[in-house]
Each structure stands twice: as structure tokens, then as C-alpha cells.
Amino acid sequence: MLRPSIFRDNLFDDFFDFQFPDVDRALYGKHAKNVMKTDVREVADGYELDIDLPGFKKDEVKIQLNNGYITVAAQKALAKDEKNDEGKYIRRERYSGSMSRSFYVGENITEEDVHAKFEDGILKIAVPKKDKEQVEQKKYIAIEG
């Protein structure tokens, strides 16, 4: 079906999007509403999380383990500078955005137990199942890839 170019992928995108749609689209593209979708799988010895982070680089993503919760945070910034022939600014805009999600994995998990890999815009995290024992730490987890 052909649609006029004034419509985006969905006729109601702008109607129901009350936040700053131009900022989100500038930072994350037309799929801004699909950012950080997560698939969680239970495997024999643990859990595997696949988190979609399109448009992000490895150094823009942080994973933290704190009191049994894994928190994945991603932050992105965008700057647009336009100058005229004389070198004066005619437009200058800066955007920044961040998002995070937390998952409870149990207080017995340490950062050495968690393995993370970032590849093609997908963050893969493997968390083992463990017997209960009290461990309380707040450290960051390294991301491979």
C-alpha cells in the first residue's frame, strides 16, 4: 500500500508519541521505540539475556551488578553544527539521551559469574544459576566484543 510521504511507518506514531519525537529520532533513528527490547532464555545452567541496542557502541553501554540486580544502562549524545560561508553558526543543536533496565539475578551472583558480549547492536549476557549465599558488591562488568 502506498502512503503519502507525510506519514511515517505508522500513521499514529506522532499522535500517540507525547515525548520529544524529533530528539529520539535524531538519536536512535526511526526505531527509537524499539530500543532495549530484551529476550530472556532459561538454559540448563543459567539464563541468557539478549538486549537490542541498535545504534549504540560498546563504550556507550555499562552493566552494573548491585545487591542482586544487573542494571544495563546506555547513553548516547548527538551534536549538529551548521555554519554558513563566513563560518558563523546558523544552527547548533545538541541532544542526549539515556535508558536503563534492571533484572534481578539473585544476591549470590558476583561480577565474575556474569559474562557479557556486545555484537552487531545486541548485548548478550549470560548469568549462571547458583545456590543461595549472601554476596553484596557493587562493581561494573566488562563487555567483550
Protein backbone atom coordinates (compact mmCIF):
# COMPACT_ATOMS: atom_id res chain seq x y z
CA MET A 1 0.00 0.00 0.00
CA LEU A 2 1.37 3.40 -0.91
CA ARG A 3 1.27 6.15 1.68
CA PRO A 4 1.93 9.85 1.32
CA SER A 5 5.40 10.84 2.44
CA ILE A 6 3.99 12.90 5.31
CA PHE A 7 3.27 9.66 7.19
CA ARG A 8 5.97 7.63 8.87
CA ASP A 9 5.87 3.85 9.37
CA ASN A 10 2.70 4.15 11.42
CA LEU A 11 0.01 6.79 10.94
CA PHE A 12 -0.37 7.13 14.72
CA ASP A 13 3.34 7.42 15.61
CA ASP A 14 3.21 11.17 16.09
CA PHE A 15 -0.30 11.22 17.52
CA PHE A 16 0.49 8.91 20.45
CA ASP A 17 4.12 9.93 21.00
CA PHE A 18 3.93 12.74 23.54
CA GLN A 19 7.65 12.87 24.34
CA PHE A 20 10.19 14.59 22.13
CA PRO A 21 9.86 12.53 18.93
CA ASP A 22 12.40 14.58 16.95
CA VAL A 23 15.05 14.18 19.65
CA ASP A 24 14.53 10.42 19.90
CA ARG A 25 14.54 10.02 16.14
CA ALA A 26 17.70 12.12 15.84
CA LEU A 27 19.49 9.98 18.41
CA TYR A 28 18.19 6.49 17.73
CA GLY A 29 16.62 6.64 14.24
CA LYS A 30 13.11 5.69 13.25
CA HIS A 31 13.20 2.63 15.51
CA ALA A 32 13.58 4.63 18.73
CA LYS A 33 10.55 2.98 20.32
CA ASN A 34 12.16 -0.47 19.80
CA VAL A 35 15.32 0.27 21.77
CA MET A 36 16.24 -2.07 24.64
CA LYS A 37 13.87 -4.90 23.83
CA THR A 38 15.03 -7.92 25.78
CA ASP A 39 14.75 -11.68 25.29
CA VAL A 40 15.39 -13.85 28.37
CA ARG A 41 16.05 -17.58 27.96
CA GLU A 42 16.47 -20.17 30.67
CA VAL A 43 19.17 -22.72 29.87
CA ALA A 44 20.31 -25.74 31.87
CA ASP A 45 22.92 -23.91 33.95
CA GLY A 46 21.61 -20.33 33.93
CA TYR A 47 19.92 -17.56 31.98
CA GLU A 48 20.77 -15.77 28.74
CA LEU A 49 19.64 -12.21 28.02
CA ASP A 50 19.70 -10.69 24.53
CA ILE A 51 19.16 -6.92 24.65
CA ASP A 52 18.65 -4.93 21.44
CA LEU A 53 20.70 -1.71 21.44
CA PRO A 54 20.67 -0.54 17.80
CA GLY A 55 22.89 2.42 17.06
CA PHE A 56 24.93 2.10 20.26
CA LYS A 57 28.64 1.37 20.52
CA LYS A 58 30.23 -0.83 23.17
CA ASP A 59 31.68 2.13 25.10
CA GLU A 60 28.20 3.73 25.39
CA VAL A 61 26.85 0.72 27.35
CA LYS A 62 27.50 -0.05 31.03
CA ILE A 63 26.49 -3.10 33.06
CA GLN A 64 26.45 -2.94 36.84
CA LEU A 65 25.77 -5.62 39.46
CA ASN A 66 24.40 -4.26 42.73
CA ASN A 67 22.59 -6.16 45.52
CA GLY A 68 21.38 -8.94 43.24
CA TYR A 69 20.29 -6.68 40.36
CA ILE A 70 22.01 -6.37 36.98
CA THR A 71 21.42 -2.90 35.55
CA VAL A 72 22.13 -2.23 31.88
CA ALA A 73 22.46 1.46 31.05
CA ALA A 74 23.08 3.04 27.65
CA GLN A 75 23.77 6.70 26.94
CA LYS A 76 24.07 8.47 23.60
CA ALA A 77 24.73 12.04 22.51
CA LEU A 78 24.41 13.79 19.17
CA ALA A 79 25.60 17.22 18.08
CA LYS A 80 24.63 19.03 14.86
CA ASP A 81 26.59 22.10 13.84
CA GLU A 82 25.82 24.03 10.67
CA LYS A 83 27.85 27.06 9.61
CA ASN A 84 27.40 29.48 6.74
CA ASP A 85 30.14 30.52 4.27
CA GLU A 86 31.55 33.05 6.75
CA GLY A 87 31.98 30.42 9.44
CA LYS A 88 29.16 31.72 11.64
CA TYR A 89 26.71 29.30 13.17
CA ILE A 90 23.31 29.27 11.55
CA ARG A 91 22.13 26.25 13.53
CA ARG A 92 23.60 24.44 16.51
CA GLU A 93 21.78 21.64 18.31
CA ARG A 94 22.80 19.09 20.90
CA TYR A 95 20.79 16.09 22.02
CA SER A 96 21.46 13.47 24.65
CA GLY A 97 19.52 10.53 25.90
CA SER A 98 19.90 7.60 28.22
CA MET A 99 17.98 4.48 29.17
CA SER A 100 18.38 1.63 31.59
CA ARG A 101 16.79 -1.66 32.63
CA SER A 102 17.33 -3.80 35.70
CA PHE A 103 16.97 -7.55 36.16
CA TYR A 104 17.01 -9.44 39.45
CA VAL A 105 19.53 -12.31 39.27
CA GLY A 106 19.94 -13.16 42.95
CA GLU A 107 22.24 -11.84 45.65
CA ASN A 108 24.59 -14.81 45.34
CA ILE A 109 25.85 -13.79 41.86
CA THR A 110 29.19 -11.96 41.59
CA GLU A 111 30.54 -9.94 38.67
CA GLU A 112 32.97 -12.78 37.84
CA ASP A 113 29.97 -15.08 37.24
CA VAL A 114 28.36 -12.79 34.65
CA HIS A 115 29.63 -12.78 31.06
CA ALA A 116 28.63 -10.10 28.56
CA LYS A 117 29.34 -9.69 24.86
CA PHE A 118 28.30 -6.83 22.53
CA GLU A 119 27.98 -7.72 18.86
CA ASP A 120 26.05 -6.09 15.98
CA GLY A 121 23.91 -3.94 18.28
CA ILE A 122 22.92 -6.83 20.54
CA LEU A 123 24.18 -7.18 24.10
CA LYS A 124 24.32 -10.82 25.21
CA ILE A 125 24.55 -11.51 28.94
CA ALA A 126 24.98 -14.97 30.48
CA VAL A 127 24.08 -15.38 34.15
CA PRO A 128 24.55 -18.75 35.93
CA LYS A 129 22.15 -20.30 38.42
CA LYS A 130 23.72 -20.57 41.87
CA ASP A 131 22.83 -21.80 45.33
CA LYS A 132 21.89 -19.10 47.80
CA GLU A 133 24.75 -17.45 49.62
CA GLN A 134 24.98 -13.81 50.63
CA VAL A 135 27.27 -11.65 48.48
CA GLU A 136 26.97 -7.85 48.46
CA GLN A 137 29.10 -5.96 45.93
CA LYS A 138 28.76 -3.03 43.55
CA LYS A 139 31.06 -3.39 40.56
CA TYR A 140 30.91 -2.93 36.81
CA ILE A 141 31.02 -5.84 34.38
CA ALA A 142 33.36 -5.81 31.35
CA ILE A 143 31.76 -6.19 27.90
CA GLU A 144 33.54 -8.32 25.31
CA GLY A 145 33.49 -7.68 21.57
